[in-house]
Structure formats: C-alpha cells, structure tokens
PDB file of N, CA and C in Angstrom:
ATOM      1  N   MET A   1      38.751 159.574  28.709  1.00  0.00           N
ATOM      2  CA  MET A   1      39.637 158.447  28.971  1.00  0.00           C
ATOM      3  C   MET A   1      39.975 157.800  27.632  1.00  0.00           C
ATOM      4  N   PHE A   2      41.248 157.562  27.433  1.00  0.00           N
ATOM      5  CA  PHE A   2      41.717 156.862  26.242  1.00  0.00           C
ATOM      6  C   PHE A   2      42.160 155.456  26.632  1.00  0.00           C
ATOM      7  N   GLU A   3      41.937 154.505  25.742  1.00  0.00           N
ATOM      8  CA  GLU A   3      42.426 153.138  25.917  1.00  0.00           C
ATOM      9  C   GLU A   3      43.142 152.713  24.647  1.00  0.00           C
ATOM     10  N   LEU A   4      44.178 151.947  24.835  1.00  0.00           N
ATOM     11  CA  LEU A   4      44.974 151.444  23.724  1.00  0.00           C
ATOM     12  C   LEU A   4      45.273 149.981  24.014  1.00  0.00           C
ATOM     13  N   THR A   5      45.160 149.129  23.008  1.00  0.00           N
ATOM     14  CA  THR A   5      45.363 147.688  23.201  1.00  0.00           C
ATOM     15  C   THR A   5      46.352 147.152  22.182  1.00  0.00           C
ATOM     16  N   VAL A   6      47.278 146.332  22.658  1.00  0.00           N
ATOM     17  CA  VAL A   6      48.185 145.582  21.785  1.00  0.00           C
ATOM     18  C   VAL A   6      48.112 144.114  22.185  1.00  0.00           C
ATOM     19  N   GLU A   7      48.574 143.261  21.292  1.00  0.00           N
ATOM     20  CA  GLU A   7      48.573 141.831  21.569  1.00  0.00           C
ATOM     21  C   GLU A   7      49.980 141.267  21.466  1.00  0.00           C
ATOM     22  N   ALA A   8      50.231 140.253  22.277  1.00  0.00           N
ATOM     23  CA  ALA A   8      51.482 139.497  22.240  1.00  0.00           C
ATOM     24  C   ALA A   8      51.107 138.024  22.168  1.00  0.00           C
ATOM     25  N   GLN A   9      51.974 137.234  21.569  1.00  0.00           N
ATOM     26  CA  GLN A   9      51.722 135.803  21.463  1.00  0.00           C
ATOM     27  C   GLN A   9      52.897 135.030  22.034  1.00  0.00           C
ATOM     28  N   PHE A  10      52.593 133.886  22.623  1.00  0.00           N
ATOM     29  CA  PHE A  10      53.628 132.983  23.106  1.00  0.00           C
ATOM     30  C   PHE A  10      53.045 131.579  23.179  1.00  0.00           C
ATOM     31  N   SER A  11      53.911 130.612  23.118  1.00  0.00           N
ATOM     32  CA  SER A  11      53.510 129.205  23.213  1.00  0.00           C
ATOM     33  C   SER A  11      54.116 128.628  24.479  1.00  0.00           C
ATOM     34  N   ALA A  12      53.327 127.856  25.199  1.00  0.00           N
ATOM     35  CA  ALA A  12      53.827 127.272  26.443  1.00  0.00           C
ATOM     36  C   ALA A  12      53.018 126.031  26.797  1.00  0.00           C
ATOM     37  N   ALA A  13      53.609 125.224  27.659  1.00  0.00           N
ATOM     38  CA  ALA A  13      52.948 124.017  28.156  1.00  0.00           C
ATOM     39  C   ALA A  13      52.637 124.205  29.634  1.00  0.00           C
ATOM     40  N   HIS A  14      51.620 123.495  30.084  1.00  0.00           N
ATOM     41  CA  HIS A  14      51.282 123.502  31.505  1.00  0.00           C
ATOM     42  C   HIS A  14      50.411 122.294  31.809  1.00  0.00           C
ATOM     43  N   GLN A  15      50.154 122.102  33.075  1.00  0.00           N
ATOM     44  CA  GLN A  15      49.161 121.138  33.510  1.00  0.00           C
ATOM     45  C   GLN A  15      48.487 121.722  34.734  1.00  0.00           C
ATOM     46  N   ILE A  16      47.220 121.446  34.872  1.00  0.00           N
ATOM     47  CA  ILE A  16      46.444 121.983  35.973  1.00  0.00           C
ATOM     48  C   ILE A  16      46.301 120.889  37.024  1.00  0.00           C
ATOM     49  N   LYS A  17      47.142 120.965  38.033  1.00  0.00           N
ATOM     50  CA  LYS A  17      47.139 119.948  39.090  1.00  0.00           C
ATOM     51  C   LYS A  17      45.804 119.955  39.820  1.00  0.00           C
ATOM     52  N   GLY A  18      45.270 118.755  40.034  1.00  0.00           N
ATOM     53  CA  GLY A  18      44.006 118.609  40.732  1.00  0.00           C
ATOM     54  C   GLY A  18      42.784 118.744  39.835  1.00  0.00           C
ATOM     55  N   HIS A  19      42.977 119.052  38.576  1.00  0.00           N
ATOM     56  CA  HIS A  19      41.842 119.173  37.653  1.00  0.00           C
ATOM     57  C   HIS A  19      41.266 117.785  37.383  1.00  0.00           C
ATOM     58  N   PRO A  20      39.939 117.629  37.372  1.00  0.00           N
ATOM     59  CA  PRO A  20      39.348 116.301  37.200  1.00  0.00           C
ATOM     60  C   PRO A  20      39.339 115.802  35.755  1.00  0.00           C
ATOM     61  N   GLY A  21      39.693 116.654  34.802  1.00  0.00           N
ATOM     62  CA  GLY A  21      39.622 116.267  33.395  1.00  0.00           C
ATOM     63  C   GLY A  21      40.986 116.255  32.731  1.00  0.00           C
ATOM     64  N   PRO A  22      40.988 116.333  31.419  1.00  0.00           N
ATOM     65  CA  PRO A  22      42.230 116.217  30.658  1.00  0.00           C
ATOM     66  C   PRO A  22      43.230 117.351  30.883  1.00  0.00           C
ATOM     67  N   CYS A  23      42.787 118.461  31.448  1.00  0.00           N
ATOM     68  CA  CYS A  23      43.720 119.564  31.707  1.00  0.00           C
ATOM     69  C   CYS A  23      44.759 119.212  32.776  1.00  0.00           C
ATOM     70  N   ALA A  24      44.538 118.118  33.509  1.00  0.00           N
ATOM     71  CA  ALA A  24      45.525 117.660  34.495  1.00  0.00           C
ATOM     72  C   ALA A  24      46.752 117.076  33.808  1.00  0.00           C
ATOM     73  N   ARG A  25      46.577 116.667  32.547  1.00  0.00           N
ATOM     74  CA  ARG A  25      47.713 116.117  31.797  1.00  0.00           C
ATOM     75  C   ARG A  25      48.523 117.254  31.177  1.00  0.00           C
ATOM     76  N   LEU A  26      49.778 116.983  30.940  1.00  0.00           N
ATOM     77  CA  LEU A  26      50.652 117.944  30.270  1.00  0.00           C
ATOM     78  C   LEU A  26      50.092 118.261  28.888  1.00  0.00           C
ATOM     79  N   HIS A  27      49.921 119.547  28.609  1.00  0.00           N
ATOM     80  CA  HIS A  27      49.434 119.989  27.303  1.00  0.00           C
ATOM     81  C   HIS A  27      49.899 121.421  27.066  1.00  0.00           C
ATOM     82  N   GLY A  28      49.712 121.920  25.874  1.00  0.00           N
ATOM     83  CA  GLY A  28      50.177 123.261  25.558  1.00  0.00           C
ATOM     84  C   GLY A  28      49.144 124.086  24.826  1.00  0.00           C
ATOM     85  N   HIS A  29      49.449 125.385  24.736  1.00  0.00           N
ATOM     86  CA  HIS A  29      48.587 126.334  24.037  1.00  0.00           C
ATOM     87  C   HIS A  29      49.456 127.324  23.271  1.00  0.00           C
ATOM     88  N   ASN A  30      48.896 127.864  22.218  1.00  0.00           N
ATOM     89  CA  ASN A  30      49.443 129.043  21.564  1.00  0.00           C
ATOM     90  C   ASN A  30      48.643 130.217  22.119  1.00  0.00           C
ATOM     91  N   TYR A  31      49.194 130.829  23.161  1.00  0.00           N
ATOM     92  CA  TYR A  31      48.493 131.882  23.880  1.00  0.00           C
ATOM     93  C   TYR A  31      48.533 133.202  23.115  1.00  0.00           C
ATOM     94  N   ARG A  32      47.513 134.001  23.354  1.00  0.00           N
ATOM     95  CA  ARG A  32      47.468 135.381  22.862  1.00  0.00           C
ATOM     96  C   ARG A  32      47.069 136.245  24.046  1.00  0.00           C
ATOM     97  N   ALA A  33      47.842 137.287  24.294  1.00  0.00           N
ATOM     98  CA  ALA A  33      47.547 138.188  25.403  1.00  0.00           C
ATOM     99  C   ALA A  33      47.225 139.569  24.848  1.00  0.00           C
ATOM    100  N   ALA A  34      46.042 140.076  25.162  1.00  0.00           N
ATOM    101  CA  ALA A  34      45.629 141.428  24.775  1.00  0.00           C
ATOM    102  C   ALA A  34      45.799 142.318  26.002  1.00  0.00           C
ATOM    103  N   VAL A  35      46.678 143.299  25.889  1.00  0.00           N
ATOM    104  CA  VAL A  35      46.989 144.201  26.996  1.00  0.00           C
ATOM    105  C   VAL A  35      46.401 145.568  26.673  1.00  0.00           C
ATOM    106  N   THR A  36      45.535 146.059  27.557  1.00  0.00           N
ATOM    107  CA  THR A  36      44.907 147.363  27.371  1.00  0.00           C
ATOM    108  C   THR A  36      45.403 148.313  28.445  1.00  0.00           C
ATOM    109  N   VAL A  37      45.886 149.470  28.018  1.00  0.00           N
ATOM    110  CA  VAL A  37      46.303 150.528  28.938  1.00  0.00           C
ATOM    111  C   VAL A  37      45.338 151.702  28.784  1.00  0.00           C
ATOM    112  N   ALA A  38      45.241 152.512  29.828  1.00  0.00           N
ATOM    113  CA  ALA A  38      44.308 153.629  29.828  1.00  0.00           C
ATOM    114  C   ALA A  38      44.947 154.861  30.450  1.00  0.00           C
ATOM    115  N   GLY A  39      44.455 156.010  30.042  1.00  0.00           N
ATOM    116  CA  GLY A  39      44.917 157.263  30.607  1.00  0.00           C
ATOM    117  C   GLY A  39      44.112 158.425  30.071  1.00  0.00           C
ATOM    118  N   ASP A  40      44.220 159.557  30.759  1.00  0.00           N
ATOM    119  CA  ASP A  40      43.484 160.766  30.371  1.00  0.00           C
ATOM    120  C   ASP A  40      44.304 161.722  29.521  1.00  0.00           C
ATOM    121  N   GLN A  41      45.625 161.607  29.584  1.00  0.00           N
ATOM    122  CA  GLN A  41      46.472 162.598  28.928  1.00  0.00           C
ATOM    123  C   GLN A  41      47.255 161.988  27.779  1.00  0.00           C
ATOM    124  N   LEU A  42      47.315 162.729  26.695  1.00  0.00           N
ATOM    125  CA  LEU A  42      48.112 162.328  25.540  1.00  0.00           C
ATOM    126  C   LEU A  42      49.438 163.073  25.570  1.00  0.00           C
ATOM    127  N   ASP A  43      50.456 162.483  24.954  1.00  0.00           N
ATOM    128  CA  ASP A  43      51.759 163.135  24.917  1.00  0.00           C
ATOM    129  C   ASP A  43      51.785 164.213  23.829  1.00  0.00           C
ATOM    130  N   GLN A  44      52.955 164.781  23.601  1.00  0.00           N
ATOM    131  CA  GLN A  44      53.084 165.880  22.644  1.00  0.00           C
ATOM    132  C   GLN A  44      52.772 165.455  21.210  1.00  0.00           C
ATOM    133  N   GLN A  45      52.876 164.174  20.909  1.00  0.00           N
ATOM    134  CA  GLN A  45      52.531 163.676  19.578  1.00  0.00           C
ATOM    135  C   GLN A  45      51.057 163.272  19.484  1.00  0.00           C
ATOM    136  N   GLY A  46      50.319 163.427  20.567  1.00  0.00           N
ATOM    137  CA  GLY A  46      48.912 163.057  20.575  1.00  0.00           C
ATOM    138  C   GLY A  46      48.677 161.577  20.832  1.00  0.00           C
ATOM    139  N   MET A  47      49.634 160.918  21.522  1.00  0.00           N
ATOM    140  CA  MET A  47      49.528 159.488  21.812  1.00  0.00           C
ATOM    141  C   MET A  47      49.421 159.242  23.303  1.00  0.00           C
ATOM    142  N   LEU A  48      48.684 158.212  23.655  1.00  0.00           N
ATOM    143  CA  LEU A  48      48.657 157.745  25.034  1.00  0.00           C
ATOM    144  C   LEU A  48      50.005 157.106  25.351  1.00  0.00           C
ATOM    145  N   ILE A  49      50.435 156.223  24.479  1.00  0.00           N
ATOM    146  CA  ILE A  49      51.765 155.616  24.475  1.00  0.00           C
ATOM    147  C   ILE A  49      51.972 155.110  23.055  1.00  0.00           C
ATOM    148  N   ASP A  50      53.180 155.124  22.598  1.00  0.00           N
ATOM    149  CA  ASP A  50      53.465 154.632  21.256  1.00  0.00           C
ATOM    150  C   ASP A  50      53.159 153.129  21.191  1.00  0.00           C
ATOM    151  N   PHE A  51      52.437 152.698  20.157  1.00  0.00           N
ATOM    152  CA  PHE A  51      52.128 151.280  19.997  1.00  0.00           C
ATOM    153  C   PHE A  51      53.403 150.428  20.062  1.00  0.00           C
ATOM    154  N   GLY A  52      54.449 150.889  19.402  1.00  0.00           N
ATOM    155  CA  GLY A  52      55.706 150.139  19.371  1.00  0.00           C
ATOM    156  C   GLY A  52      56.293 149.949  20.754  1.00  0.00           C
ATOM    157  N   ARG A  53      56.243 150.986  21.577  1.00  0.00           N
ATOM    158  CA  ARG A  53      56.772 150.888  22.942  1.00  0.00           C
ATOM    159  C   ARG A  53      55.952 149.912  23.772  1.00  0.00           C
ATOM    160  N   LEU A  54      54.626 149.970  23.650  1.00  0.00           N
ATOM    161  CA  LEU A  54      53.791 149.048  24.421  1.00  0.00           C
ATOM    162  C   LEU A  54      53.988 147.613  23.949  1.00  0.00           C
ATOM    163  N   LYS A  55      54.147 147.404  22.647  1.00  0.00           N
ATOM    164  CA  LYS A  55      54.425 146.058  22.134  1.00  0.00           C
ATOM    165  C   LYS A  55      55.750 145.539  22.689  1.00  0.00           C
ATOM    166  N   GLU A  56      56.749 146.415  22.742  1.00  0.00           N
ATOM    167  CA  GLU A  56      58.061 146.035  23.288  1.00  0.00           C
ATOM    168  C   GLU A  56      57.940 145.620  24.756  1.00  0.00           C
ATOM    169  N   ILE A  57      57.196 146.389  25.541  1.00  0.00           N
ATOM    170  CA  ILE A  57      56.981 146.057  26.949  1.00  0.00           C
ATOM    171  C   ILE A  57      56.288 144.705  27.075  1.00  0.00           C
ATOM    172  N   CYS A  58      55.275 144.474  26.271  1.00  0.00           N
ATOM    173  CA  CYS A  58      54.551 143.200  26.316  1.00  0.00           C
ATOM    174  C   CYS A  58      55.460 142.034  25.944  1.00  0.00           C
ATOM    175  N   ARG A  59      56.320 142.230  24.954  1.00  0.00           N
ATOM    176  CA  ARG A  59      57.279 141.173  24.577  1.00  0.00           C
ATOM    177  C   ARG A  59      58.237 140.889  25.729  1.00  0.00           C
ATOM    178  N   GLU A  60      58.697 141.942  26.412  1.00  0.00           N
ATOM    179  CA  GLU A  60      59.609 141.760  27.546  1.00  0.00           C
ATOM    180  C   GLU A  60      58.953 140.936  28.647  1.00  0.00           C
ATOM    181  N   VAL A  61      57.679 141.158  28.878  1.00  0.00           N
ATOM    182  CA  VAL A  61      56.962 140.453  29.944  1.00  0.00           C
ATOM    183  C   VAL A  61      56.627 139.027  29.539  1.00  0.00           C
ATOM    184  N   THR A  62      56.263 138.803  28.280  1.00  0.00           N
ATOM    185  CA  THR A  62      55.837 137.467  27.847  1.00  0.00           C
ATOM    186  C   THR A  62      56.991 136.593  27.360  1.00  0.00           C
ATOM    187  N   ALA A  63      58.124 137.175  26.999  1.00  0.00           N
ATOM    188  CA  ALA A  63      59.252 136.377  26.489  1.00  0.00           C
ATOM    189  C   ALA A  63      59.683 135.269  27.447  1.00  0.00           C
ATOM    190  N   PRO A  64      59.755 135.514  28.755  1.00  0.00           N
ATOM    191  CA  PRO A  64      60.153 134.426  29.664  1.00  0.00           C
ATOM    192  C   PRO A  64      59.134 133.281  29.740  1.00  0.00           C
ATOM    193  N   LEU A  65      57.916 133.507  29.263  1.00  0.00           N
ATOM    194  CA  LEU A  65      56.885 132.469  29.266  1.00  0.00           C
ATOM    195  C   LEU A  65      56.951 131.595  28.013  1.00  0.00           C
ATOM    196  N   ASP A  66      57.530 132.128  26.948  1.00  0.00           N
ATOM    197  CA  ASP A  66      57.492 131.468  25.645  1.00  0.00           C
ATOM    198  C   ASP A  66      58.310 130.184  25.635  1.00  0.00           C
ATOM    199  N   HIS A  67      57.698 129.124  25.128  1.00  0.00           N
ATOM    200  CA  HIS A  67      58.314 127.802  24.998  1.00  0.00           C
ATOM    201  C   HIS A  67      58.867 127.294  26.325  1.00  0.00           C
ATOM    202  N   THR A  68      58.036 127.431  27.370  1.00  0.00           N
ATOM    203  CA  THR A  68      58.417 126.927  28.686  1.00  0.00           C
ATOM    204  C   THR A  68      57.319 126.001  29.206  1.00  0.00           C
ATOM    205  N   PHE A  69      57.677 125.288  30.252  1.00  0.00           N
ATOM    206  CA  PHE A  69      56.693 124.540  31.048  1.00  0.00           C
ATOM    207  C   PHE A  69      56.337 125.468  32.192  1.00  0.00           C
ATOM    208  N   LEU A  70      55.184 126.100  32.100  1.00  0.00           N
ATOM    209  CA  LEU A  70      54.807 127.161  33.028  1.00  0.00           C
ATOM    210  C   LEU A  70      54.834 126.724  34.486  1.00  0.00           C
ATOM    211  N   ASN A  71      54.514 125.471  34.773  1.00  0.00           N
ATOM    212  CA  ASN A  71      54.506 124.990  36.152  1.00  0.00           C
ATOM    213  C   ASN A  71      55.879 125.108  36.811  1.00  0.00           C
ATOM    214  N   ASP A  72      56.942 125.118  36.022  1.00  0.00           N
ATOM    215  CA  ASP A  72      58.296 125.196  36.573  1.00  0.00           C
ATOM    216  C   ASP A  72      58.748 126.620  36.892  1.00  0.00           C
ATOM    217  N   LEU A  73      57.994 127.626  36.465  1.00  0.00           N
ATOM    218  CA  LEU A  73      58.402 129.010  36.713  1.00  0.00           C
ATOM    219  C   LEU A  73      58.113 129.405  38.154  1.00  0.00           C
ATOM    220  N   PRO A  74      59.042 130.133  38.789  1.00  0.00           N
ATOM    221  CA  PRO A  74      58.863 130.519  40.196  1.00  0.00           C
ATOM    222  C   PRO A  74      57.556 131.273  40.465  1.00  0.00           C
ATOM    223  N   ASP A  75      57.099 132.084  39.523  1.00  0.00           N
ATOM    224  CA  ASP A  75      55.875 132.864  39.736  1.00  0.00           C
ATOM    225  C   ASP A  75      54.625 131.997  39.857  1.00  0.00           C
ATOM    226  N   PHE A  76      54.734 130.737  39.437  1.00  0.00           N
ATOM    227  CA  PHE A  76      53.580 129.841  39.508  1.00  0.00           C
ATOM    228  C   PHE A  76      53.833 128.678  40.468  1.00  0.00           C
ATOM    229  N   ALA A  77      54.790 128.840  41.367  1.00  0.00           N
ATOM    230  CA  ALA A  77      55.150 127.777  42.305  1.00  0.00           C
ATOM    231  C   ALA A  77      53.994 127.415  43.240  1.00  0.00           C
ATOM    232  N   ASN A  78      53.190 128.407  43.604  1.00  0.00           N
ATOM    233  CA  ASN A  78      52.115 128.166  44.573  1.00  0.00           C
ATOM    234  C   ASN A  78      50.722 128.197  43.965  1.00  0.00           C
ATOM    235  N   THR A  79      50.651 128.217  42.641  1.00  0.00           N
ATOM    236  CA  THR A  79      49.352 128.264  41.979  1.00  0.00           C
ATOM    237  C   THR A  79      49.432 127.558  40.637  1.00  0.00           C
ATOM    238  N   ASN A  80      48.322 127.080  40.151  1.00  0.00           N
ATOM    239  CA  ASN A  80      48.292 126.509  38.812  1.00  0.00           C
ATOM    240  C   ASN A  80      48.407 127.630  37.788  1.00  0.00           C
ATOM    241  N   PRO A  81      49.188 127.409  36.745  1.00  0.00           N
ATOM    242  CA  PRO A  81      49.334 128.436  35.707  1.00  0.00           C
ATOM    243  C   PRO A  81      48.143 128.430  34.739  1.00  0.00           C
ATOM    244  N   THR A  82      47.014 128.839  35.248  1.00  0.00           N
ATOM    245  CA  THR A  82      45.795 128.919  34.454  1.00  0.00           C
ATOM    246  C   THR A  82      45.810 130.195  33.611  1.00  0.00           C
ATOM    247  N   ALA A  83      44.858 130.330  32.714  1.00  0.00           N
ATOM    248  CA  ALA A  83      44.730 131.567  31.936  1.00  0.00           C
ATOM    249  C   ALA A  83      44.511 132.750  32.882  1.00  0.00           C
ATOM    250  N   GLU A  84      43.758 132.519  33.952  1.00  0.00           N
ATOM    251  CA  GLU A  84      43.524 133.579  34.935  1.00  0.00           C
ATOM    252  C   GLU A  84      44.833 134.027  35.587  1.00  0.00           C
ATOM    253  N   ALA A  85      45.650 133.062  36.001  1.00  0.00           N
ATOM    254  CA  ALA A  85      46.932 133.382  36.642  1.00  0.00           C
ATOM    255  C   ALA A  85      47.885 134.053  35.663  1.00  0.00           C
ATOM    256  N   LEU A  86      47.878 133.614  34.419  1.00  0.00           N
ATOM    257  CA  LEU A  86      48.721 134.246  33.402  1.00  0.00           C
ATOM    258  C   LEU A  86      48.295 135.685  33.154  1.00  0.00           C
ATOM    259  N   ALA A  87      47.000 135.939  33.100  1.00  0.00           N
ATOM    260  CA  ALA A  87      46.516 137.303  32.881  1.00  0.00           C
ATOM    261  C   ALA A  87      46.969 138.213  34.021  1.00  0.00           C
ATOM    262  N   ARG A  88      46.855 137.731  35.265  1.00  0.00           N
ATOM    263  CA  ARG A  88      47.304 138.523  36.419  1.00  0.00           C
ATOM    264  C   ARG A  88      48.813 138.755  36.365  1.00  0.00           C
ATOM    265  N   HIS A  89      49.568 137.710  36.016  1.00  0.00           N
ATOM    266  CA  HIS A  89      51.028 137.804  35.921  1.00  0.00           C
ATOM    267  C   HIS A  89      51.447 138.856  34.885  1.00  0.00           C
ATOM    268  N   ILE A  90      50.851 138.810  33.729  1.00  0.00           N
ATOM    269  CA  ILE A  90      51.180 139.764  32.665  1.00  0.00           C
ATOM    270  C   ILE A  90      50.747 141.173  33.068  1.00  0.00           C
ATOM    271  N   PHE A  91      49.570 141.301  33.662  1.00  0.00           N
ATOM    272  CA  PHE A  91      49.084 142.598  34.143  1.00  0.00           C
ATOM    273  C   PHE A  91      50.129 143.251  35.052  1.00  0.00           C
ATOM    274  N   HIS A  92      50.583 142.512  36.063  1.00  0.00           N
ATOM    275  CA  HIS A  92      51.531 143.081  37.026  1.00  0.00           C
ATOM    276  C   HIS A  92      52.894 143.348  36.389  1.00  0.00           C
ATOM    277  N   GLY A  93      53.310 142.498  35.458  1.00  0.00           N
ATOM    278  CA  GLY A  93      54.577 142.727  34.771  1.00  0.00           C
ATOM    279  C   GLY A  93      54.565 143.993  33.934  1.00  0.00           C
ATOM    280  N   VAL A  94      53.497 144.203  33.187  1.00  0.00           N
ATOM    281  CA  VAL A  94      53.377 145.416  32.374  1.00  0.00           C
ATOM    282  C   VAL A  94      53.224 146.634  33.279  1.00  0.00           C
ATOM    283  N   ALA A  95      52.426 146.523  34.332  1.00  0.00           N
ATOM    284  CA  ALA A  95      52.233 147.642  35.263  1.00  0.00           C
ATOM    285  C   ALA A  95      53.558 148.082  35.877  1.00  0.00           C
ATOM    286  N   ALA A  96      54.405 147.128  36.230  1.00  0.00           N
ATOM    287  CA  ALA A  96      55.712 147.472  36.808  1.00  0.00           C
ATOM    288  C   ALA A  96      56.565 148.246  35.812  1.00  0.00           C
ATOM    289  N   LYS A  97      56.506 147.868  34.554  1.00  0.00           N
ATOM    290  CA  LYS A  97      57.305 148.552  33.539  1.00  0.00           C
ATOM    291  C   LYS A  97      56.744 149.927  33.190  1.00  0.00           C
ATOM    292  N   LEU A  98      55.468 150.155  33.479  1.00  0.00           N
ATOM    293  CA  LEU A  98      54.850 151.458  33.221  1.00  0.00           C
ATOM    294  C   LEU A  98      54.801 152.343  34.470  1.00  0.00           C
ATOM    295  N   SER A  99      55.377 151.885  35.567  1.00  0.00           N
ATOM    296  CA  SER A  99      55.252 152.602  36.839  1.00  0.00           C
ATOM    297  C   SER A  99      55.844 154.014  36.793  1.00  0.00           C
ATOM    298  N   SER A 100      56.742 154.272  35.867  1.00  0.00           N
ATOM    299  CA  SER A 100      57.322 155.617  35.765  1.00  0.00           C
ATOM    300  C   SER A 100      56.436 156.559  34.952  1.00  0.00           C
ATOM    301  N   SER A 101      55.322 156.058  34.446  1.00  0.00           N
ATOM    302  CA  SER A 101      54.365 156.880  33.692  1.00  0.00           C
ATOM    303  C   SER A 101      53.102 157.046  34.524  1.00  0.00           C
ATOM    304  N   PRO A 102      53.046 158.060  35.402  1.00  0.00           N
ATOM    305  CA  PRO A 102      51.935 158.173  36.344  1.00  0.00           C
ATOM    306  C   PRO A 102      50.564 158.418  35.692  1.00  0.00           C
ATOM    307  N   CYS A 103      50.543 158.899  34.472  1.00  0.00           N
ATOM    308  CA  CYS A 103      49.263 159.182  33.805  1.00  0.00           C
ATOM    309  C   CYS A 103      48.753 157.984  33.005  1.00  0.00           C
ATOM    310  N   LEU A 104      49.449 156.868  33.099  1.00  0.00           N
ATOM    311  CA  LEU A 104      49.123 155.695  32.298  1.00  0.00           C
ATOM    312  C   LEU A 104      49.006 154.488  33.229  1.00  0.00           C
ATOM    313  N   ARG A 105      47.958 153.685  33.030  1.00  0.00           N
ATOM    314  CA  ARG A 105      47.782 152.499  33.866  1.00  0.00           C
ATOM    315  C   ARG A 105      47.326 151.330  33.002  1.00  0.00           C
ATOM    316  N   VAL A 106      47.577 150.130  33.484  1.00  0.00           N
ATOM    317  CA  VAL A 106      47.070 148.945  32.811  1.00  0.00           C
ATOM    318  C   VAL A 106      45.598 148.816  33.189  1.00  0.00           C
ATOM    319  N   ALA A 107      44.738 148.759  32.190  1.00  0.00           N
ATOM    320  CA  ALA A 107      43.299 148.632  32.442  1.00  0.00           C
ATOM    321  C   ALA A 107      42.902 147.169  32.563  1.00  0.00           C
ATOM    322  N   SER A 108      43.431 146.328  31.658  1.00  0.00           N
ATOM    323  CA  SER A 108      43.093 144.907  31.701  1.00  0.00           C
ATOM    324  C   SER A 108      44.065 144.110  30.846  1.00  0.00           C
ATOM    325  N   VAL A 109      44.115 142.829  31.144  1.00  0.00           N
ATOM    326  CA  VAL A 109      44.857 141.867  30.328  1.00  0.00           C
ATOM    327  C   VAL A 109      43.943 140.676  30.099  1.00  0.00           C
ATOM    328  N   THR A 110      43.786 140.298  28.841  1.00  0.00           N
ATOM    329  CA  THR A 110      43.004 139.127  28.476  1.00  0.00           C
ATOM    330  C   THR A 110      43.941 138.107  27.859  1.00  0.00           C
ATOM    331  N   VAL A 111      43.924 136.892  28.397  1.00  0.00           N
ATOM    332  CA  VAL A 111      44.761 135.808  27.875  1.00  0.00           C
ATOM    333  C   VAL A 111      43.847 134.785  27.218  1.00  0.00           C
ATOM    334  N   TYR A 112      44.112 134.542  25.942  1.00  0.00           N
ATOM    335  CA  TYR A 112      43.360 133.566  25.150  1.00  0.00           C
ATOM    336  C   TYR A 112      44.121 132.247  25.121  1.00  0.00           C
ATOM    337  N   GLU A 113      43.473 131.172  25.564  1.00  0.00           N
ATOM    338  CA  GLU A 113      44.038 129.830  25.397  1.00  0.00           C
ATOM    339  C   GLU A 113      43.681 129.288  24.019  1.00  0.00           C
ATOM    340  N   SER A 114      42.577 129.764  23.490  1.00  0.00           N
ATOM    341  CA  SER A 114      42.147 129.410  22.145  1.00  0.00           C
ATOM    342  C   SER A 114      41.324 130.585  21.637  1.00  0.00           C
ATOM    343  N   GLU A 115      40.814 130.474  20.432  1.00  0.00           N
ATOM    344  CA  GLU A 115      40.022 131.571  19.877  1.00  0.00           C
ATOM    345  C   GLU A 115      38.771 131.867  20.695  1.00  0.00           C
ATOM    346  N   ARG A 116      38.223 130.845  21.352  1.00  0.00           N
ATOM    347  CA  ARG A 116      36.959 131.020  22.057  1.00  0.00           C
ATOM    348  C   ARG A 116      37.045 130.823  23.562  1.00  0.00           C
ATOM    349  N   SER A 117      38.255 130.716  24.092  1.00  0.00           N
ATOM    350  CA  SER A 117      38.427 130.517  25.537  1.00  0.00           C
ATOM    351  C   SER A 117      39.464 131.491  26.056  1.00  0.00           C
ATOM    352  N   TYR A 118      39.040 132.363  26.976  1.00  0.00           N
ATOM    353  CA  TYR A 118      39.948 133.377  27.474  1.00  0.00           C
ATOM    354  C   TYR A 118      39.556 133.817  28.878  1.00  0.00           C
ATOM    355  N   ALA A 119      40.522 134.442  29.548  1.00  0.00           N
ATOM    356  CA  ALA A 119      40.307 134.986  30.883  1.00  0.00           C
ATOM    357  C   ALA A 119      40.842 136.409  30.919  1.00  0.00           C
ATOM    358  N   THR A 120      40.149 137.289  31.641  1.00  0.00           N
ATOM    359  CA  THR A 120      40.553 138.691  31.751  1.00  0.00           C
ATOM    360  C   THR A 120      40.825 139.029  33.204  1.00  0.00           C
ATOM    361  N   TYR A 121      41.895 139.803  33.424  1.00  0.00           N
ATOM    362  CA  TYR A 121      42.224 140.299  34.752  1.00  0.00           C
ATOM    363  C   TYR A 121      42.276 141.826  34.698  1.00  0.00           C
ATOM    364  N   ARG A 122      41.658 142.448  35.693  1.00  0.00           N
ATOM    365  CA  ARG A 122      41.744 143.898  35.864  1.00  0.00           C
ATOM    366  C   ARG A 122      41.674 144.202  37.351  1.00  0.00           C
ATOM    367  N   GLU A 123      42.159 145.353  37.716  1.00  0.00           N
ATOM    368  CA  GLU A 123      42.091 145.749  39.132  1.00  0.00           C
ATOM    369  C   GLU A 123      41.163 146.934  39.283  1.00  0.00           C
TER     370      GLU A 123
END
C-alpha cells in the first residue's frame, strides 16, 4: 500500500454556536489541511498520483472555504463548522474528484486550526 500526502492552506472565520467558551464568538484561523491518498498500484511513471495534480484537487476543494465565514456556507447549514466538520467536508470533496480513479482512495484528511490543534477524518 502506498500513501501520499499534500497540504493546502486557507483562512476562514467561524463561530461555534452553543459552545460555552470563547469559540462561540466570531473568530478565525489560518487552517492547514493535510490530505492523504492511498492505493496499491502505481502509474506508468511509478506514481500513485502526481503531487501537482493532488495539490490542484485540494486547492479546488478548499478555495471556496478561503476568506469566508464558514457558518454561511450551505454545507455547514445544519452543523457547526468545526475542524472535524471541515475535515469530513474536504475528505468528501477530494474523494468526489478522485472517483474516476478506482485504484486510488482518500485515506484521511487532517485539518489544523493551529500548530497543536487538529482533527482527522477517515472512513
């Protein structure tokens, strides 16, 4: 099994409704998302997927999040836009873009709110 990881960055604001502490107030983060894909087969060049292509896919998925108020996005209408929810959102977005590559799957997505605070989603 091979795994390959790329990172994407975006900045966004959110608030966690119902949170008992300061996270209930409007605040922002410089997020970092680490996207790991996995597969058993390499292509003719000996790659699982080209790093550049995976970075492009990650940018396509995270670009709509950049410099937004996450609570206003339709994908977060029924949930708080936590690091956990963002990781799941990015996971499914990247998976949809890779759906035409049957030998390749998203293994996990880790979203960092800070250097020492992060959440990981995998299926």
